[in-house]
């Protein structure tokens, strides 16, 4: 059974491309990974190269197609698609972009298919994008963490010390698959303040793409994301300034980051409480 269709030939002189991936379905605090991959596709000219068989990988009851209705007439259905695009950044560096919904089925078959294509296309490195909620303040630069196939890549990005076991997404499976095949792989993770993780947080997307530049050399203009991040930060500041408890929470988080000291937040509002109040503020209820 064919699990994908190559709909266009690989561009000429497409040597040693970087593969950048983000597949919706796993944790993505503040929409950091999804926003980053959308911005990458919007700013780097690409063309569709490969389309994966959606019937083999997608559960339509969980990811239903969208129906377009005009004056009561069913005009079209838009189906969830997993796609691989090819393009070049502004310096001419080749890049492949894997995006769409995370497969609901057959992860081993999917990762094998992506690896086979990557071998055929001469991929030199795989980088996955994501974001997770963390006890960090929005008033400080976004900190990054890596899950990597080599210590060199982990040191380059930064990482969470110690040994932990956590559920994971398909991009982690791709990391392992690439590493076993002798191709470098890294997961780039932005740490998003836990109290804003349910709302769009463009600073995370900007940090992901800036780190992608450092790790892969793929150049992406993030000025638009930085402008959006400044506006978002100002809106969060406005809300937090109205509550002494919220100000105290942010100051404590700043102390933790700046001085690496433990804090006792028992008397402070929880991240969930602050997130709920932020959502009310953004809806204009406060």
C-alpha atoms as a PDB file:
ATOM      1  CA  UNK A   1       0.000   0.000   0.000  1.00  0.00           C
ATOM      2  CA  UNK A   2       1.367   3.436  -0.959  1.00  0.00           C
ATOM      3  CA  UNK A   3       1.298   5.747   2.041  1.00  0.00           C
ATOM      4  CA  UNK A   4       2.175   8.920   0.166  1.00  0.00           C
ATOM      5  CA  UNK A   5       2.175  10.500  -3.262  1.00  0.00           C
ATOM      6  CA  UNK A   6       5.008  12.624  -4.598  1.00  0.00           C
ATOM      7  CA  UNK A   7       3.148  15.289  -6.541  1.00  0.00           C
ATOM      8  CA  UNK A   8       6.162  17.249  -7.821  1.00  0.00           C
ATOM      9  CA  UNK A   9       9.833  16.536  -8.555  1.00  0.00           C
ATOM     10  CA  UNK A  10      12.513  17.644  -6.156  1.00  0.00           C
ATOM     11  CA  UNK A  11      13.863  21.066  -7.198  1.00  0.00           C
ATOM     12  CA  UNK A  12      17.219  21.150  -8.976  1.00  0.00           C
ATOM     13  CA  UNK A  13      20.372  21.510  -6.853  1.00  0.00           C
ATOM     14  CA  UNK A  14      18.386  20.740  -3.713  1.00  0.00           C
ATOM     15  CA  UNK A  15      21.388  19.527  -1.711  1.00  0.00           C
ATOM     16  CA  UNK A  16      21.442  18.622   2.003  1.00  0.00           C
ATOM     17  CA  UNK A  17      18.053  20.109   2.899  1.00  0.00           C
ATOM     18  CA  UNK A  18      16.937  20.587   6.487  1.00  0.00           C
ATOM     19  CA  UNK A  19      13.609  18.982   7.392  1.00  0.00           C
ATOM     20  CA  UNK A  20      11.464  21.080   9.757  1.00  0.00           C
ATOM     21  CA  UNK A  21       8.371  19.429  11.222  1.00  0.00           C
ATOM     22  CA  UNK A  22       5.331  20.339  13.302  1.00  0.00           C
ATOM     23  CA  UNK A  23       2.276  18.112  13.458  1.00  0.00           C
ATOM     24  CA  UNK A  24      -0.814  19.250  15.350  1.00  0.00           C
ATOM     25  CA  UNK A  25      -2.198  17.014  18.043  1.00  0.00           C
ATOM     26  CA  UNK A  26       0.304  16.973  20.873  1.00  0.00           C
ATOM     27  CA  UNK A  27       1.051  19.653  23.450  1.00  0.00           C
ATOM     28  CA  UNK A  28       1.723  23.064  21.914  1.00  0.00           C
ATOM     29  CA  UNK A  29       1.464  25.743  24.598  1.00  0.00           C
ATOM     30  CA  UNK A  30       0.452  29.133  23.284  1.00  0.00           C
ATOM     31  CA  UNK A  31       0.286  27.646  19.791  1.00  0.00           C
ATOM     32  CA  UNK A  32       4.030  28.206  19.576  1.00  0.00           C
ATOM     33  CA  UNK A  33       4.872  25.365  17.196  1.00  0.00           C
ATOM     34  CA  UNK A  34       1.806  25.794  14.982  1.00  0.00           C
ATOM     35  CA  UNK A  35       2.356  29.546  14.686  1.00  0.00           C
ATOM     36  CA  UNK A  36       6.046  29.044  13.917  1.00  0.00           C
ATOM     37  CA  UNK A  37       5.403  26.523  11.115  1.00  0.00           C
ATOM     38  CA  UNK A  38       2.630  28.700   9.645  1.00  0.00           C
ATOM     39  CA  UNK A  39       4.968  31.706   9.668  1.00  0.00           C
ATOM     40  CA  UNK A  40       7.726  29.638   8.076  1.00  0.00           C
ATOM     41  CA  UNK A  41       5.392  28.586   5.254  1.00  0.00           C
ATOM     42  CA  UNK A  42       4.162  32.167   4.830  1.00  0.00           C
ATOM     43  CA  UNK A  43       7.616  33.733   4.600  1.00  0.00           C
ATOM     44  CA  UNK A  44       9.668  31.057   2.824  1.00  0.00           C
ATOM     45  CA  UNK A  45       8.379  30.283  -0.694  1.00  0.00           C
ATOM     46  CA  UNK A  46       7.566  26.567  -0.920  1.00  0.00           C
ATOM     47  CA  UNK A  47       5.752  24.146  -3.185  1.00  0.00           C
ATOM     48  CA  UNK A  48       3.893  20.961  -2.325  1.00  0.00           C
ATOM     49  CA  UNK A  49       6.221  18.004  -2.803  1.00  0.00           C
ATOM     50  CA  UNK A  50       4.555  15.040  -1.080  1.00  0.00           C
ATOM     51  CA  UNK A  51       1.025  14.396   0.170  1.00  0.00           C
ATOM     52  CA  UNK A  52       0.504  11.552   2.655  1.00  0.00           C
ATOM     53  CA  UNK A  53      -2.493   9.212   2.430  1.00  0.00           C
ATOM     54  CA  UNK A  54      -4.959  10.764   4.858  1.00  0.00           C
ATOM     55  CA  UNK A  55      -7.157   7.650   4.885  1.00  0.00           C
ATOM     56  CA  UNK A  56      -4.209   5.669   6.249  1.00  0.00           C
ATOM     57  CA  UNK A  57      -3.325   8.072   9.057  1.00  0.00           C
ATOM     58  CA  UNK A  58      -6.266  10.287  10.037  1.00  0.00           C
ATOM     59  CA  UNK A  59      -9.310   9.498  12.193  1.00  0.00           C
ATOM     60  CA  UNK A  60     -11.999  11.689  10.635  1.00  0.00           C
ATOM     61  CA  UNK A  61     -14.204  11.414  13.712  1.00  0.00           C
ATOM     62  CA  UNK A  62     -11.484  13.189  15.685  1.00  0.00           C
ATOM     63  CA  UNK A  63     -10.407  15.532  12.852  1.00  0.00           C
ATOM     64  CA  UNK A  64     -13.503  16.057  10.781  1.00  0.00           C
ATOM     65  CA  UNK A  65     -13.334  17.651   7.318  1.00  0.00           C
ATOM     66  CA  UNK A  66     -14.704  21.178   7.006  1.00  0.00           C
ATOM     67  CA  UNK A  67     -17.758  21.716   4.806  1.00  0.00           C
ATOM     68  CA  UNK A  68     -18.139  24.982   2.902  1.00  0.00           C
ATOM     69  CA  UNK A  69     -21.771  26.005   2.453  1.00  0.00           C
ATOM     70  CA  UNK A  70     -22.943  28.833   0.200  1.00  0.00           C
ATOM     71  CA  UNK A  71     -26.647  29.727   0.332  1.00  0.00           C
ATOM     72  CA  UNK A  72     -27.463  26.257   1.551  1.00  0.00           C
ATOM     73  CA  UNK A  73     -25.377  24.497  -1.094  1.00  0.00           C
ATOM     74  CA  UNK A  74     -22.526  22.187  -0.099  1.00  0.00           C
ATOM     75  CA  UNK A  75     -19.760  23.725  -2.204  1.00  0.00           C
ATOM     76  CA  UNK A  76     -16.708  21.805  -1.011  1.00  0.00           C
ATOM     77  CA  UNK A  77     -15.068  19.715   1.699  1.00  0.00           C
ATOM     78  CA  UNK A  78     -11.618  20.536   3.048  1.00  0.00           C
ATOM     79  CA  UNK A  79      -9.894  17.419   4.335  1.00  0.00           C
ATOM     80  CA  UNK A  80      -7.091  17.301   6.924  1.00  0.00           C
ATOM     81  CA  UNK A  81      -3.830  16.781   5.036  1.00  0.00           C
ATOM     82  CA  UNK A  82      -0.312  15.788   6.069  1.00  0.00           C
ATOM     83  CA  UNK A  83       2.028  17.401   3.553  1.00  0.00           C
ATOM     84  CA  UNK A  84       5.686  17.881   2.812  1.00  0.00           C
ATOM     85  CA  UNK A  85       6.664  21.148   1.128  1.00  0.00           C
ATOM     86  CA  UNK A  86       9.996  22.102  -0.443  1.00  0.00           C
ATOM     87  CA  UNK A  87      11.481  25.581  -0.693  1.00  0.00           C
ATOM     88  CA  UNK A  88      14.488  27.814  -0.148  1.00  0.00           C
ATOM     89  CA  UNK A  89      15.112  30.554   2.368  1.00  0.00           C
ATOM     90  CA  UNK A  90      16.244  34.020   1.270  1.00  0.00           C
ATOM     91  CA  UNK A  91      19.872  32.834   1.076  1.00  0.00           C
ATOM     92  CA  UNK A  92      18.949  29.894  -1.150  1.00  0.00           C
ATOM     93  CA  UNK A  93      19.332  27.245   1.561  1.00  0.00           C
ATOM     94  CA  UNK A  94      16.993  24.307   0.824  1.00  0.00           C
ATOM     95  CA  UNK A  95      14.368  23.397   3.413  1.00  0.00           C
ATOM     96  CA  UNK A  96      11.608  20.802   3.645  1.00  0.00           C
ATOM     97  CA  UNK A  97       8.551  21.505   5.797  1.00  0.00           C
ATOM     98  CA  UNK A  98       6.421  18.673   7.220  1.00  0.00           C
ATOM     99  CA  UNK A  99       3.071  19.842   8.604  1.00  0.00           C
ATOM    100  CA  UNK A 100      -0.537  18.856   9.175  1.00  0.00           C
ATOM    101  CA  UNK A 101      -2.331  16.743  11.791  1.00  0.00           C
ATOM    102  CA  UNK A 102      -0.384  14.251  13.856  1.00  0.00           C
ATOM    103  CA  UNK A 103      -1.217  10.743  12.589  1.00  0.00           C
ATOM    104  CA  UNK A 104      -3.914   8.971  14.579  1.00  0.00           C
ATOM    105  CA  UNK A 105      -2.741   5.553  13.374  1.00  0.00           C
ATOM    106  CA  UNK A 106       0.326   3.611  12.177  1.00  0.00           C
ATOM    107  CA  UNK A 107       3.097   5.701  13.682  1.00  0.00           C
ATOM    108  CA  UNK A 108       5.794   3.173  12.757  1.00  0.00           C
ATOM    109  CA  UNK A 109       4.662   3.175   9.125  1.00  0.00           C
ATOM    110  CA  UNK A 110       4.524   6.979   9.107  1.00  0.00           C
ATOM    111  CA  UNK A 111       7.995   7.497  10.584  1.00  0.00           C
ATOM    112  CA  UNK A 112       9.424   4.871   8.207  1.00  0.00           C
ATOM    113  CA  UNK A 113       7.830   6.687   5.262  1.00  0.00           C
ATOM    114  CA  UNK A 114       9.212  10.065   6.365  1.00  0.00           C
ATOM    115  CA  UNK A 115      12.654   8.529   6.845  1.00  0.00           C
ATOM    116  CA  UNK A 116      12.572   6.870   3.401  1.00  0.00           C
ATOM    117  CA  UNK A 117      11.661  10.179   1.773  1.00  0.00           C
ATOM    118  CA  UNK A 118      14.331  11.988   3.757  1.00  0.00           C
ATOM    119  CA  UNK A 119      16.973   9.537   2.592  1.00  0.00           C
ATOM    120  CA  UNK A 120      15.829   9.959  -0.996  1.00  0.00           C
ATOM    121  CA  UNK A 121      15.949  13.746  -0.672  1.00  0.00           C
ATOM    122  CA  UNK A 122      19.308  13.809   1.157  1.00  0.00           C
ATOM    123  CA  UNK A 123      18.068  15.377   4.395  1.00  0.00           C
ATOM    124  CA  UNK A 124      20.958  16.364   6.646  1.00  0.00           C
ATOM    125  CA  UNK A 125      19.024  17.215   9.835  1.00  0.00           C
ATOM    126  CA  UNK A 126      15.502  16.987  11.238  1.00  0.00           C
ATOM    127  CA  UNK A 127      14.147  19.700  13.561  1.00  0.00           C
ATOM    128  CA  UNK A 128      10.760  19.450  15.261  1.00  0.00           C
ATOM    129  CA  UNK A 129       9.003  22.499  16.722  1.00  0.00           C
ATOM    130  CA  UNK A 130       6.869  22.653  19.867  1.00  0.00           C
ATOM    131  CA  UNK A 131       6.105  24.516  23.079  1.00  0.00           C
ATOM    132  CA  UNK A 132       5.221  23.475  26.613  1.00  0.00           C
ATOM    133  CA  UNK A 133       3.863  25.312  29.695  1.00  0.00           C
ATOM    134  CA  UNK A 134       6.477  26.143  32.317  1.00  0.00           C
ATOM    135  CA  UNK A 135       6.855  28.215  35.514  1.00  0.00           C
ATOM    136  CA  UNK A 136       8.430  31.179  33.723  1.00  0.00           C
ATOM    137  CA  UNK A 137       7.342  34.840  33.521  1.00  0.00           C
ATOM    138  CA  UNK A 138       6.205  36.574  30.341  1.00  0.00           C
ATOM    139  CA  UNK A 139       8.500  39.488  31.226  1.00  0.00           C
ATOM    140  CA  UNK A 140      11.645  37.559  30.370  1.00  0.00           C
ATOM    141  CA  UNK A 141      12.915  36.223  27.007  1.00  0.00           C
ATOM    142  CA  UNK A 142      11.501  32.827  26.051  1.00  0.00           C
ATOM    143  CA  UNK A 143      13.787  30.062  27.216  1.00  0.00           C
ATOM    144  CA  UNK A 144      14.353  27.034  25.002  1.00  0.00           C
ATOM    145  CA  UNK A 145      14.845  23.340  25.709  1.00  0.00           C
ATOM    146  CA  UNK A 146      16.020  20.610  23.369  1.00  0.00           C
ATOM    147  CA  UNK A 147      15.434  16.918  22.972  1.00  0.00           C
ATOM    148  CA  UNK A 148      18.286  15.925  20.714  1.00  0.00           C
ATOM    149  CA  UNK A 149      20.077  13.006  19.140  1.00  0.00           C
ATOM    150  CA  UNK A 150      23.476  14.349  20.217  1.00  0.00           C
ATOM    151  CA  UNK A 151      24.864  16.232  23.188  1.00  0.00           C
ATOM    152  CA  UNK A 152      26.220  18.872  20.809  1.00  0.00           C
ATOM    153  CA  UNK A 153      22.714  19.814  19.717  1.00  0.00           C
ATOM    154  CA  UNK A 154      21.384  19.684  23.271  1.00  0.00           C
ATOM    155  CA  UNK A 155      24.150  22.006  24.458  1.00  0.00           C
ATOM    156  CA  UNK A 156      23.548  24.358  21.551  1.00  0.00           C
ATOM    157  CA  UNK A 157      19.879  24.845  22.443  1.00  0.00           C
ATOM    158  CA  UNK A 158      19.749  24.154  26.183  1.00  0.00           C
ATOM    159  CA  UNK A 159      17.924  21.348  27.942  1.00  0.00           C
ATOM    160  CA  UNK A 160      16.091  20.244  31.085  1.00  0.00           C
ATOM    161  CA  UNK A 161      18.618  18.644  33.433  1.00  0.00           C
ATOM    162  CA  UNK A 162      18.123  15.172  34.873  1.00  0.00           C
ATOM    163  CA  UNK A 163      16.152  12.172  33.682  1.00  0.00           C
ATOM    164  CA  UNK A 164      12.413  12.386  33.129  1.00  0.00           C
ATOM    165  CA  UNK A 165       9.788  10.172  31.504  1.00  0.00           C
ATOM    166  CA  UNK A 166       6.892  11.919  29.766  1.00  0.00           C
ATOM    167  CA  UNK A 167       4.276  11.058  27.133  1.00  0.00           C
ATOM    168  CA  UNK A 168       5.318  12.339  23.748  1.00  0.00           C
ATOM    169  CA  UNK A 169       4.245  13.069  20.195  1.00  0.00           C
ATOM    170  CA  UNK A 170       5.130  11.703  16.783  1.00  0.00           C
ATOM    171  CA  UNK A 171       7.971  14.210  16.282  1.00  0.00           C
ATOM    172  CA  UNK A 172       9.836  12.501  19.120  1.00  0.00           C
ATOM    173  CA  UNK A 173       9.359   9.188  17.318  1.00  0.00           C
ATOM    174  CA  UNK A 174      10.820  10.826  14.216  1.00  0.00           C
ATOM    175  CA  UNK A 175      13.809  12.037  16.264  1.00  0.00           C
ATOM    176  CA  UNK A 176      14.560   8.479  17.356  1.00  0.00           C
ATOM    177  CA  UNK A 177      14.007   7.105  13.867  1.00  0.00           C
ATOM    178  CA  UNK A 178      16.410   9.639  12.326  1.00  0.00           C
ATOM    179  CA  UNK A 179      19.017   9.109  15.026  1.00  0.00           C
ATOM    180  CA  UNK A 180      18.972   5.352  14.467  1.00  0.00           C
ATOM    181  CA  UNK A 181      19.454   6.010  10.749  1.00  0.00           C
ATOM    182  CA  UNK A 182      22.493   8.190  11.405  1.00  0.00           C
ATOM    183  CA  UNK A 183      20.799  11.531  10.662  1.00  0.00           C
ATOM    184  CA  UNK A 184      20.979  14.288  13.272  1.00  0.00           C
ATOM    185  CA  UNK A 185      17.668  15.260  14.869  1.00  0.00           C
ATOM    186  CA  UNK A 186      16.542  17.797  17.436  1.00  0.00           C
ATOM    187  CA  UNK A 187      13.272  18.835  19.036  1.00  0.00           C
ATOM    188  CA  UNK A 188      13.108  22.579  19.705  1.00  0.00           C
ATOM    189  CA  UNK A 189      10.800  23.429  22.595  1.00  0.00           C
ATOM    190  CA  UNK A 190       9.798  26.902  23.756  1.00  0.00           C
ATOM    191  CA  UNK A 191       8.895  27.334  27.430  1.00  0.00           C
ATOM    192  CA  UNK A 192       5.623  29.269  27.650  1.00  0.00           C
ATOM    193  CA  UNK A 193       4.408  30.885  30.892  1.00  0.00           C
ATOM    194  CA  UNK A 194       1.914  28.415  32.334  1.00  0.00           C
ATOM    195  CA  UNK A 195      -0.625  31.154  33.012  1.00  0.00           C
ATOM    196  CA  UNK A 196      -0.883  32.090  29.300  1.00  0.00           C
ATOM    197  CA  UNK A 197      -0.437  28.645  27.751  1.00  0.00           C
ATOM    198  CA  UNK A 198      -4.071  28.484  26.591  1.00  0.00           C
ATOM    199  CA  UNK A 199      -3.886  31.729  24.591  1.00  0.00           C
ATOM    200  CA  UNK A 200      -1.819  32.631  21.518  1.00  0.00           C
ATOM    201  CA  UNK A 201       1.738  33.480  22.568  1.00  0.00           C
ATOM    202  CA  UNK A 202       3.677  34.677  19.498  1.00  0.00           C
ATOM    203  CA  UNK A 203       6.877  35.188  21.496  1.00  0.00           C
ATOM    204  CA  UNK A 204       7.212  31.395  21.610  1.00  0.00           C
ATOM    205  CA  UNK A 205       6.932  31.107  17.822  1.00  0.00           C
ATOM    206  CA  UNK A 206       9.526  33.840  17.344  1.00  0.00           C
ATOM    207  CA  UNK A 207      11.927  32.123  19.745  1.00  0.00           C
ATOM    208  CA  UNK A 208      11.454  28.777  17.995  1.00  0.00           C
ATOM    209  CA  UNK A 209      12.314  30.236  14.594  1.00  0.00           C
ATOM    210  CA  UNK A 210      15.260  32.225  15.951  1.00  0.00           C
ATOM    211  CA  UNK A 211      16.620  29.020  17.475  1.00  0.00           C
ATOM    212  CA  UNK A 212      15.982  27.197  14.204  1.00  0.00           C
ATOM    213  CA  UNK A 213      18.275  29.749  12.532  1.00  0.00           C
ATOM    214  CA  UNK A 214      21.022  29.017  15.040  1.00  0.00           C
ATOM    215  CA  UNK A 215      20.716  25.224  14.766  1.00  0.00           C
ATOM    216  CA  UNK A 216      20.093  24.795  11.029  1.00  0.00           C
ATOM    217  CA  UNK A 217      21.125  28.022   9.308  1.00  0.00           C
ATOM    218  CA  UNK A 218      17.659  28.377   7.728  1.00  0.00           C
ATOM    219  CA  UNK A 219      16.915  32.102   7.790  1.00  0.00           C
ATOM    220  CA  UNK A 220      13.410  33.285   8.674  1.00  0.00           C
ATOM    221  CA  UNK A 221      12.250  36.887   9.133  1.00  0.00           C
ATOM    222  CA  UNK A 222      10.510  37.050  12.536  1.00  0.00           C
ATOM    223  CA  UNK A 223       9.906  40.803  12.772  1.00  0.00           C
ATOM    224  CA  UNK A 224       6.157  40.336  12.362  1.00  0.00           C
ATOM    225  CA  UNK A 225       6.096  37.770  15.162  1.00  0.00           C
ATOM    226  CA  UNK A 226       8.167  40.038  17.406  1.00  0.00           C
ATOM    227  CA  UNK A 227       5.706  42.886  16.834  1.00  0.00           C
ATOM    228  CA  UNK A 228       2.796  40.584  17.701  1.00  0.00           C
ATOM    229  CA  UNK A 229       4.674  39.397  20.795  1.00  0.00           C
ATOM    230  CA  UNK A 230       5.121  42.988  21.986  1.00  0.00           C
ATOM    231  CA  UNK A 231       1.375  43.629  21.683  1.00  0.00           C
ATOM    232  CA  UNK A 232       0.536  40.408  23.507  1.00  0.00           C
ATOM    233  CA  UNK A 233       3.002  41.239  26.278  1.00  0.00           C
ATOM    234  CA  UNK A 234       1.449  44.663  26.724  1.00  0.00           C
ATOM    235  CA  UNK A 235      -2.035  43.157  27.047  1.00  0.00           C
ATOM    236  CA  UNK A 236      -0.826  40.687  29.668  1.00  0.00           C
ATOM    237  CA  UNK A 237       0.926  43.507  31.550  1.00  0.00           C
ATOM    238  CA  UNK A 238      -2.323  45.482  31.576  1.00  0.00           C
ATOM    239  CA  UNK A 239      -4.228  42.695  33.253  1.00  0.00           C
ATOM    240  CA  UNK A 240      -1.565  41.707  35.728  1.00  0.00           C
ATOM    241  CA  UNK A 241      -1.103  45.327  36.858  1.00  0.00           C
ATOM    242  CA  UNK A 242      -4.716  45.283  38.122  1.00  0.00           C
ATOM    243  CA  UNK A 243      -4.034  42.557  40.693  1.00  0.00           C
ATOM    244  CA  UNK A 244      -1.489  42.635  43.497  1.00  0.00           C
ATOM    245  CA  UNK A 245      -1.578  38.826  43.672  1.00  0.00           C
ATOM    246  CA  UNK A 246      -0.823  38.499  39.970  1.00  0.00           C
ATOM    247  CA  UNK A 247       1.974  41.042  40.215  1.00  0.00           C
ATOM    248  CA  UNK A 248       3.421  39.032  43.105  1.00  0.00           C
ATOM    249  CA  UNK A 249       3.218  35.806  41.094  1.00  0.00           C
ATOM    250  CA  UNK A 250       5.115  37.316  38.168  1.00  0.00           C
ATOM    251  CA  UNK A 251       7.713  38.888  40.468  1.00  0.00           C
ATOM    252  CA  UNK A 252       8.284  35.525  42.140  1.00  0.00           C
ATOM    253  CA  UNK A 253       8.731  33.848  38.781  1.00  0.00           C
ATOM    254  CA  UNK A 254      11.171  36.589  37.772  1.00  0.00           C
ATOM    255  CA  UNK A 255      13.141  35.931  40.946  1.00  0.00           C
ATOM    256  CA  UNK A 256      13.266  32.231  40.172  1.00  0.00           C
ATOM    257  CA  UNK A 257      14.581  32.861  36.677  1.00  0.00           C
ATOM    258  CA  UNK A 258      16.983  35.622  37.641  1.00  0.00           C
ATOM    259  CA  UNK A 259      18.399  34.095  40.804  1.00  0.00           C
ATOM    260  CA  UNK A 260      17.564  30.391  40.314  1.00  0.00           C
ATOM    261  CA  UNK A 261      16.035  30.210  43.770  1.00  0.00           C
ATOM    262  CA  UNK A 262      13.074  28.081  44.842  1.00  0.00           C
ATOM    263  CA  UNK A 263       9.844  29.862  45.706  1.00  0.00           C
ATOM    264  CA  UNK A 264       6.846  29.041  47.807  1.00  0.00           C
ATOM    265  CA  UNK A 265       3.808  29.936  45.736  1.00  0.00           C
ATOM    266  CA  UNK A 266       1.241  28.429  48.113  1.00  0.00           C
ATOM    267  CA  UNK A 267      -0.362  31.786  48.859  1.00  0.00           C
ATOM    268  CA  UNK A 268      -0.353  32.968  45.248  1.00  0.00           C
ATOM    269  CA  UNK A 269      -3.083  32.372  42.647  1.00  0.00           C
ATOM    270  CA  UNK A 270      -2.633  29.210  40.626  1.00  0.00           C
ATOM    271  CA  UNK A 271      -1.645  29.246  36.983  1.00  0.00           C
ATOM    272  CA  UNK A 272      -5.140  27.970  36.140  1.00  0.00           C
ATOM    273  CA  UNK A 273      -6.787  30.859  38.017  1.00  0.00           C
ATOM    274  CA  UNK A 274      -4.612  33.428  36.315  1.00  0.00           C
ATOM    275  CA  UNK A 275      -5.160  31.799  32.903  1.00  0.00           C
ATOM    276  CA  UNK A 276      -8.939  31.915  33.385  1.00  0.00           C
ATOM    277  CA  UNK A 277      -8.792  35.584  34.311  1.00  0.00           C
ATOM    278  CA  UNK A 278      -6.596  36.350  31.310  1.00  0.00           C
ATOM    279  CA  UNK A 279      -9.092  34.660  28.998  1.00  0.00           C
ATOM    280  CA  UNK A 280     -11.914  36.730  30.506  1.00  0.00           C
ATOM    281  CA  UNK A 281      -9.841  39.870  29.984  1.00  0.00           C
ATOM    282  CA  UNK A 282      -9.163  39.026  26.340  1.00  0.00           C
ATOM    283  CA  UNK A 283     -12.885  38.458  25.786  1.00  0.00           C
ATOM    284  CA  UNK A 284     -13.538  41.954  27.170  1.00  0.00           C
ATOM    285  CA  UNK A 285     -15.251  40.752  30.347  1.00  0.00           C
ATOM    286  CA  UNK A 286     -12.847  42.563  32.696  1.00  0.00           C
END
